Amino acid sequence: TLMFGQRAKTIKNTASVNLELTAE
């Protein structure tokens, strides 16, 4: 479990809003 946590800690998430832009 600790090894899993150590591996999971290295993952970097970049949460952003999914945005669809208009042509303009």
PDB file of all heavy atoms in Angstrom:
ATOM      1  N   THR A   1       0.834  -1.206   0.000  1.00  0.00           N
ATOM      2  CA  THR A   1       0.000   0.000   0.000  1.00  0.00           C
ATOM      3  C   THR A   1       0.865   1.250   0.000  1.00  0.00           C
ATOM      4  O   THR A   1       0.593   2.209  -0.730  1.00  0.00           O
ATOM      5  CB  THR A   1      -0.935   0.009   1.229  1.00  0.00           C
ATOM      6  OG1 THR A   1      -1.715  -1.174   1.215  1.00  0.00           O
ATOM      7  CG2 THR A   1      -1.841   1.210   1.227  1.00  0.00           C
ATOM      8  N   LEU A   2       1.924   1.244   0.812  1.00  0.00           N
ATOM      9  CA  LEU A   2       2.816   2.403   0.857  1.00  0.00           C
ATOM     10  C   LEU A   2       3.535   2.604  -0.475  1.00  0.00           C
ATOM     11  O   LEU A   2       3.733   3.735  -0.926  1.00  0.00           O
ATOM     12  CB  LEU A   2       3.825   2.258   1.996  1.00  0.00           C
ATOM     13  CG  LEU A   2       3.251   2.420   3.399  1.00  0.00           C
ATOM     14  CD1 LEU A   2       4.290   2.069   4.448  1.00  0.00           C
ATOM     15  CD2 LEU A   2       2.732   3.835   3.605  1.00  0.00           C
ATOM     16  N   MET A   3       3.935   1.505  -1.118  1.00  0.00           N
ATOM     17  CA  MET A   3       4.587   1.622  -2.424  1.00  0.00           C
ATOM     18  C   MET A   3       3.613   2.176  -3.462  1.00  0.00           C
ATOM     19  O   MET A   3       3.983   3.010  -4.288  1.00  0.00           O
ATOM     20  CB  MET A   3       5.147   0.275  -2.851  1.00  0.00           C
ATOM     21  CG  MET A   3       6.351  -0.136  -2.021  1.00  0.00           C
ATOM     22  SD  MET A   3       6.930  -1.788  -2.360  1.00  0.00           S
ATOM     23  CE  MET A   3       7.567  -1.592  -3.996  1.00  0.00           C
ATOM     24  N   PHE A   4       2.350   1.732  -3.395  1.00  0.00           N
ATOM     25  CA  PHE A   4       1.328   2.275  -4.287  1.00  0.00           C
ATOM     26  C   PHE A   4       1.161   3.773  -4.045  1.00  0.00           C
ATOM     27  O   PHE A   4       1.103   4.561  -4.979  1.00  0.00           O
ATOM     28  CB  PHE A   4      -0.006   1.555  -4.080  1.00  0.00           C
ATOM     29  CG  PHE A   4      -1.165   2.227  -4.767  1.00  0.00           C
ATOM     30  CD1 PHE A   4      -1.360   2.077  -6.116  1.00  0.00           C
ATOM     31  CD2 PHE A   4      -2.038   3.042  -4.051  1.00  0.00           C
ATOM     32  CE1 PHE A   4      -2.412   2.698  -6.755  1.00  0.00           C
ATOM     33  CE2 PHE A   4      -3.091   3.667  -4.684  1.00  0.00           C
ATOM     34  CZ  PHE A   4      -3.281   3.487  -6.047  1.00  0.00           C
ATOM     35  N   GLY A   5       1.093   4.167  -2.771  1.00  0.00           N
ATOM     36  CA  GLY A   5       0.943   5.581  -2.437  1.00  0.00           C
ATOM     37  C   GLY A   5       2.120   6.400  -2.930  1.00  0.00           C
ATOM     38  O   GLY A   5       1.953   7.519  -3.423  1.00  0.00           O
ATOM     39  N   GLN A   6       3.326   5.838  -2.814  1.00  0.00           N
ATOM     40  CA  GLN A   6       4.513   6.549  -3.278  1.00  0.00           C
ATOM     41  C   GLN A   6       4.456   6.746  -4.791  1.00  0.00           C
ATOM     42  O   GLN A   6       4.774   7.815  -5.304  1.00  0.00           O
ATOM     43  CB  GLN A   6       5.757   5.751  -2.891  1.00  0.00           C
ATOM     44  CG  GLN A   6       7.051   6.482  -3.129  1.00  0.00           C
ATOM     45  CD  GLN A   6       8.234   5.689  -2.599  1.00  0.00           C
ATOM     46  OE1 GLN A   6       8.120   4.518  -2.263  1.00  0.00           O
ATOM     47  NE2 GLN A   6       9.365   6.335  -2.533  1.00  0.00           N
ATOM     48  N   ARG A   7       4.031   5.704  -5.516  1.00  0.00           N
ATOM     49  CA  ARG A   7       3.909   5.830  -6.970  1.00  0.00           C
ATOM     50  C   ARG A   7       2.814   6.824  -7.335  1.00  0.00           C
ATOM     51  O   ARG A   7       2.959   7.634  -8.245  1.00  0.00           O
ATOM     52  CB  ARG A   7       3.595   4.476  -7.595  1.00  0.00           C
ATOM     53  CG  ARG A   7       4.801   3.710  -7.992  1.00  0.00           C
ATOM     54  CD  ARG A   7       4.556   2.682  -9.080  1.00  0.00           C
ATOM     55  NE  ARG A   7       3.208   2.225  -9.251  1.00  0.00           N
ATOM     56  CZ  ARG A   7       2.746   1.048  -8.854  1.00  0.00           C
ATOM     57  NH1 ARG A   7       3.527   0.226  -8.216  1.00  0.00           N
ATOM     58  NH2 ARG A   7       1.503   0.714  -9.079  1.00  0.00           N
ATOM     59  N   ALA A   8       1.684   6.749  -6.616  1.00  0.00           N
ATOM     60  CA  ALA A   8       0.556   7.637  -6.921  1.00  0.00           C
ATOM     61  C   ALA A   8       0.920   9.088  -6.645  1.00  0.00           C
ATOM     62  O   ALA A   8       0.422   9.997  -7.300  1.00  0.00           O
ATOM     63  CB  ALA A   8      -0.669   7.231  -6.111  1.00  0.00           C
ATOM     64  N   LYS A   9       1.813   9.317  -5.665  1.00  0.00           N
ATOM     65  CA  LYS A   9       2.206  10.682  -5.310  1.00  0.00           C
ATOM     66  C   LYS A   9       2.978  11.355  -6.437  1.00  0.00           C
ATOM     67  O   LYS A   9       2.949  12.572  -6.578  1.00  0.00           O
ATOM     68  CB  LYS A   9       3.090  10.621  -4.059  1.00  0.00           C
ATOM     69  CG  LYS A   9       2.958  11.802  -3.145  1.00  0.00           C
ATOM     70  CD  LYS A   9       3.586  11.483  -1.820  1.00  0.00           C
ATOM     71  CE  LYS A   9       4.870  12.233  -1.688  1.00  0.00           C
ATOM     72  NZ  LYS A   9       5.502  12.087  -0.397  1.00  0.00           N
ATOM     73  N   THR A  10       3.650  10.574  -7.274  1.00  0.00           N
ATOM     74  CA  THR A  10       4.443  11.157  -8.359  1.00  0.00           C
ATOM     75  C   THR A  10       3.579  11.607  -9.534  1.00  0.00           C
ATOM     76  O   THR A  10       4.045  12.343 -10.384  1.00  0.00           O
ATOM     77  CB  THR A  10       5.482  10.147  -8.877  1.00  0.00           C
ATOM     78  OG1 THR A  10       4.794   9.012  -9.402  1.00  0.00           O
ATOM     79  CG2 THR A  10       6.430   9.723  -7.772  1.00  0.00           C
ATOM     80  N   ILE A  11       2.315  11.176  -9.562  1.00  0.00           N
ATOM     81  CA  ILE A  11       1.429  11.546 -10.665  1.00  0.00           C
ATOM     82  C   ILE A  11       0.964  12.979 -10.474  1.00  0.00           C
ATOM     83  O   ILE A  11       0.509  13.353  -9.399  1.00  0.00           O
ATOM     84  CB  ILE A  11       0.224  10.593 -10.740  1.00  0.00           C
ATOM     85  CG1 ILE A  11       0.702   9.172 -11.012  1.00  0.00           C
ATOM     86  CG2 ILE A  11      -0.765  11.047 -11.804  1.00  0.00           C
ATOM     87  CD1 ILE A  11      -0.377   8.131 -10.848  1.00  0.00           C
ATOM     88  N   LYS A  12       1.097  13.790 -11.501  1.00  0.00           N
ATOM     89  CA  LYS A  12       0.678  15.190 -11.439  1.00  0.00           C
ATOM     90  C   LYS A  12      -0.553  15.371 -12.318  1.00  0.00           C
ATOM     91  O   LYS A  12      -0.505  15.150 -13.517  1.00  0.00           O
ATOM     92  CB  LYS A  12       1.791  16.125 -11.935  1.00  0.00           C
ATOM     93  CG  LYS A  12       3.084  16.018 -11.152  1.00  0.00           C
ATOM     94  CD  LYS A  12       2.916  16.530  -9.750  1.00  0.00           C
ATOM     95  CE  LYS A  12       4.230  16.452  -9.005  1.00  0.00           C
ATOM     96  NZ  LYS A  12       4.095  16.191  -7.620  1.00  0.00           N
ATOM     97  N   ASN A  13      -1.652  15.740 -11.713  1.00  0.00           N
ATOM     98  CA  ASN A  13      -2.880  16.040 -12.454  1.00  0.00           C
ATOM     99  C   ASN A  13      -2.950  17.536 -12.705  1.00  0.00           C
ATOM    100  O   ASN A  13      -2.618  18.330 -11.834  1.00  0.00           O
ATOM    101  CB  ASN A  13      -4.112  15.626 -11.653  1.00  0.00           C
ATOM    102  CG  ASN A  13      -4.323  14.139 -11.646  1.00  0.00           C
ATOM    103  OD1 ASN A  13      -3.532  13.403 -12.202  1.00  0.00           O
ATOM    104  ND2 ASN A  13      -5.388  13.699 -11.009  1.00  0.00           N
ATOM    105  N   THR A  14      -3.380  17.903 -13.881  1.00  0.00           N
ATOM    106  CA  THR A  14      -3.635  19.309 -14.163  1.00  0.00           C
ATOM    107  C   THR A  14      -5.104  19.424 -14.537  1.00  0.00           C
ATOM    108  O   THR A  14      -5.476  19.181 -15.679  1.00  0.00           O
ATOM    109  CB  THR A  14      -2.752  19.832 -15.321  1.00  0.00           C
ATOM    110  OG1 THR A  14      -2.890  18.929 -16.431  1.00  0.00           O
ATOM    111  CG2 THR A  14      -1.302  19.881 -14.918  1.00  0.00           C
ATOM    112  N   ALA A  15      -5.895  19.736 -13.545  1.00  0.00           N
ATOM    113  CA  ALA A  15      -7.332  19.852 -13.764  1.00  0.00           C
ATOM    114  C   ALA A  15      -7.630  21.168 -14.463  1.00  0.00           C
ATOM    115  O   ALA A  15      -7.125  22.216 -14.077  1.00  0.00           O
ATOM    116  CB  ALA A  15      -8.066  19.795 -12.435  1.00  0.00           C
ATOM    117  N   SER A  16      -8.394  21.096 -15.515  1.00  0.00           N
ATOM    118  CA  SER A  16      -8.783  22.311 -16.226  1.00  0.00           C
ATOM    119  C   SER A  16     -10.207  22.121 -16.742  1.00  0.00           C
ATOM    120  O   SER A  16     -10.674  20.999 -16.919  1.00  0.00           O
ATOM    121  CB  SER A  16      -7.830  22.588 -17.392  1.00  0.00           C
ATOM    122  OG  SER A  16      -7.865  21.518 -18.310  1.00  0.00           O
ATOM    123  N   VAL A  17     -10.862  23.234 -16.975  1.00  0.00           N
ATOM    124  CA  VAL A  17     -12.231  23.195 -17.451  1.00  0.00           C
ATOM    125  C   VAL A  17     -12.212  22.822 -18.929  1.00  0.00           C
ATOM    126  O   VAL A  17     -11.462  23.402 -19.709  1.00  0.00           O
ATOM    127  CB  VAL A  17     -12.906  24.570 -17.265  1.00  0.00           C
ATOM    128  CG1 VAL A  17     -14.301  24.568 -17.852  1.00  0.00           C
ATOM    129  CG2 VAL A  17     -12.940  24.949 -15.810  1.00  0.00           C
ATOM    130  N   ASN A  18     -12.990  21.836 -19.298  1.00  0.00           N
ATOM    131  CA  ASN A  18     -13.113  21.488 -20.713  1.00  0.00           C
ATOM    132  C   ASN A  18     -13.932  22.584 -21.373  1.00  0.00           C
ATOM    133  O   ASN A  18     -15.084  22.804 -21.028  1.00  0.00           O
ATOM    134  CB  ASN A  18     -13.800  20.133 -20.888  1.00  0.00           C
ATOM    135  CG  ASN A  18     -12.919  19.006 -20.423  1.00  0.00           C
ATOM    136  OD1 ASN A  18     -11.703  19.150 -20.389  1.00  0.00           O
ATOM    137  ND2 ASN A  18     -13.523  17.911 -20.052  1.00  0.00           N
ATOM    138  N   LEU A  19     -13.298  23.274 -22.287  1.00  0.00           N
ATOM    139  CA  LEU A  19     -13.912  24.455 -22.861  1.00  0.00           C
ATOM    140  C   LEU A  19     -13.930  24.328 -24.371  1.00  0.00           C
ATOM    141  O   LEU A  19     -12.904  24.032 -24.978  1.00  0.00           O
ATOM    142  CB  LEU A  19     -13.081  25.683 -22.452  1.00  0.00           C
ATOM    143  CG  LEU A  19     -13.503  27.026 -22.971  1.00  0.00           C
ATOM    144  CD1 LEU A  19     -14.833  27.429 -22.343  1.00  0.00           C
ATOM    145  CD2 LEU A  19     -12.457  28.058 -22.637  1.00  0.00           C
ATOM    146  N   GLU A  20     -15.070  24.513 -24.943  1.00  0.00           N
ATOM    147  CA  GLU A  20     -15.161  24.512 -26.396  1.00  0.00           C
ATOM    148  C   GLU A  20     -15.345  25.956 -26.846  1.00  0.00           C
ATOM    149  O   GLU A  20     -16.284  26.635 -26.443  1.00  0.00           O
ATOM    150  CB  GLU A  20     -16.318  23.636 -26.858  1.00  0.00           C
ATOM    151  CG  GLU A  20     -16.076  22.176 -26.532  1.00  0.00           C
ATOM    152  CD  GLU A  20     -16.878  21.246 -27.403  1.00  0.00           C
ATOM    153  OE1 GLU A  20     -17.233  21.644 -28.528  1.00  0.00           O
ATOM    154  OE2 GLU A  20     -17.138  20.142 -26.946  1.00  0.00           O
ATOM    155  N   LEU A  21     -14.405  26.407 -27.668  1.00  0.00           N
ATOM    156  CA  LEU A  21     -14.430  27.798 -28.123  1.00  0.00           C
ATOM    157  C   LEU A  21     -15.225  27.916 -29.415  1.00  0.00           C
ATOM    158  O   LEU A  21     -15.283  26.982 -30.220  1.00  0.00           O
ATOM    159  CB  LEU A  21     -12.999  28.293 -28.350  1.00  0.00           C
ATOM    160  CG  LEU A  21     -12.054  28.219 -27.149  1.00  0.00           C
ATOM    161  CD1 LEU A  21     -10.658  28.667 -27.562  1.00  0.00           C
ATOM    162  CD2 LEU A  21     -12.544  29.087 -26.023  1.00  0.00           C
ATOM    163  N   THR A  22     -15.783  29.091 -29.625  1.00  0.00           N
ATOM    164  CA  THR A  22     -16.474  29.365 -30.876  1.00  0.00           C
ATOM    165  C   THR A  22     -15.440  29.675 -31.943  1.00  0.00           C
ATOM    166  O   THR A  22     -14.265  29.899 -31.647  1.00  0.00           O
ATOM    167  CB  THR A  22     -17.428  30.570 -30.725  1.00  0.00           C
ATOM    168  OG1 THR A  22     -16.635  31.731 -30.455  1.00  0.00           O
ATOM    169  CG2 THR A  22     -18.441  30.340 -29.615  1.00  0.00           C
ATOM    170  N   ALA A  23     -15.870  29.726 -33.182  1.00  0.00           N
ATOM    171  CA  ALA A  23     -14.954  30.010 -34.289  1.00  0.00           C
ATOM    172  C   ALA A  23     -14.323  31.391 -34.115  1.00  0.00           C
ATOM    173  O   ALA A  23     -13.119  31.576 -34.367  1.00  0.00           O
ATOM    174  CB  ALA A  23     -15.699  29.930 -35.619  1.00  0.00           C
ATOM    175  N   GLU A  24     -15.097  32.344 -33.646  1.00  0.00           N
ATOM    176  CA  GLU A  24     -14.578  33.703 -33.447  1.00  0.00           C
ATOM    177  C   GLU A  24     -13.506  33.716 -32.356  1.00  0.00           C
ATOM    178  O   GLU A  24     -12.472  34.375 -32.497  1.00  0.00           O
ATOM    179  CB  GLU A  24     -15.737  34.644 -33.079  1.00  0.00           C
ATOM    180  CG  GLU A  24     -15.352  36.114 -33.032  1.00  0.00           C
ATOM    181  CD  GLU A  24     -14.867  36.648 -34.373  1.00  0.00           C
ATOM    182  OE1 GLU A  24     -15.379  36.220 -35.423  1.00  0.00           O
ATOM    183  OE2 GLU A  24     -13.948  37.489 -34.362  1.00  0.00           O
TER     184      GLU A  24
END
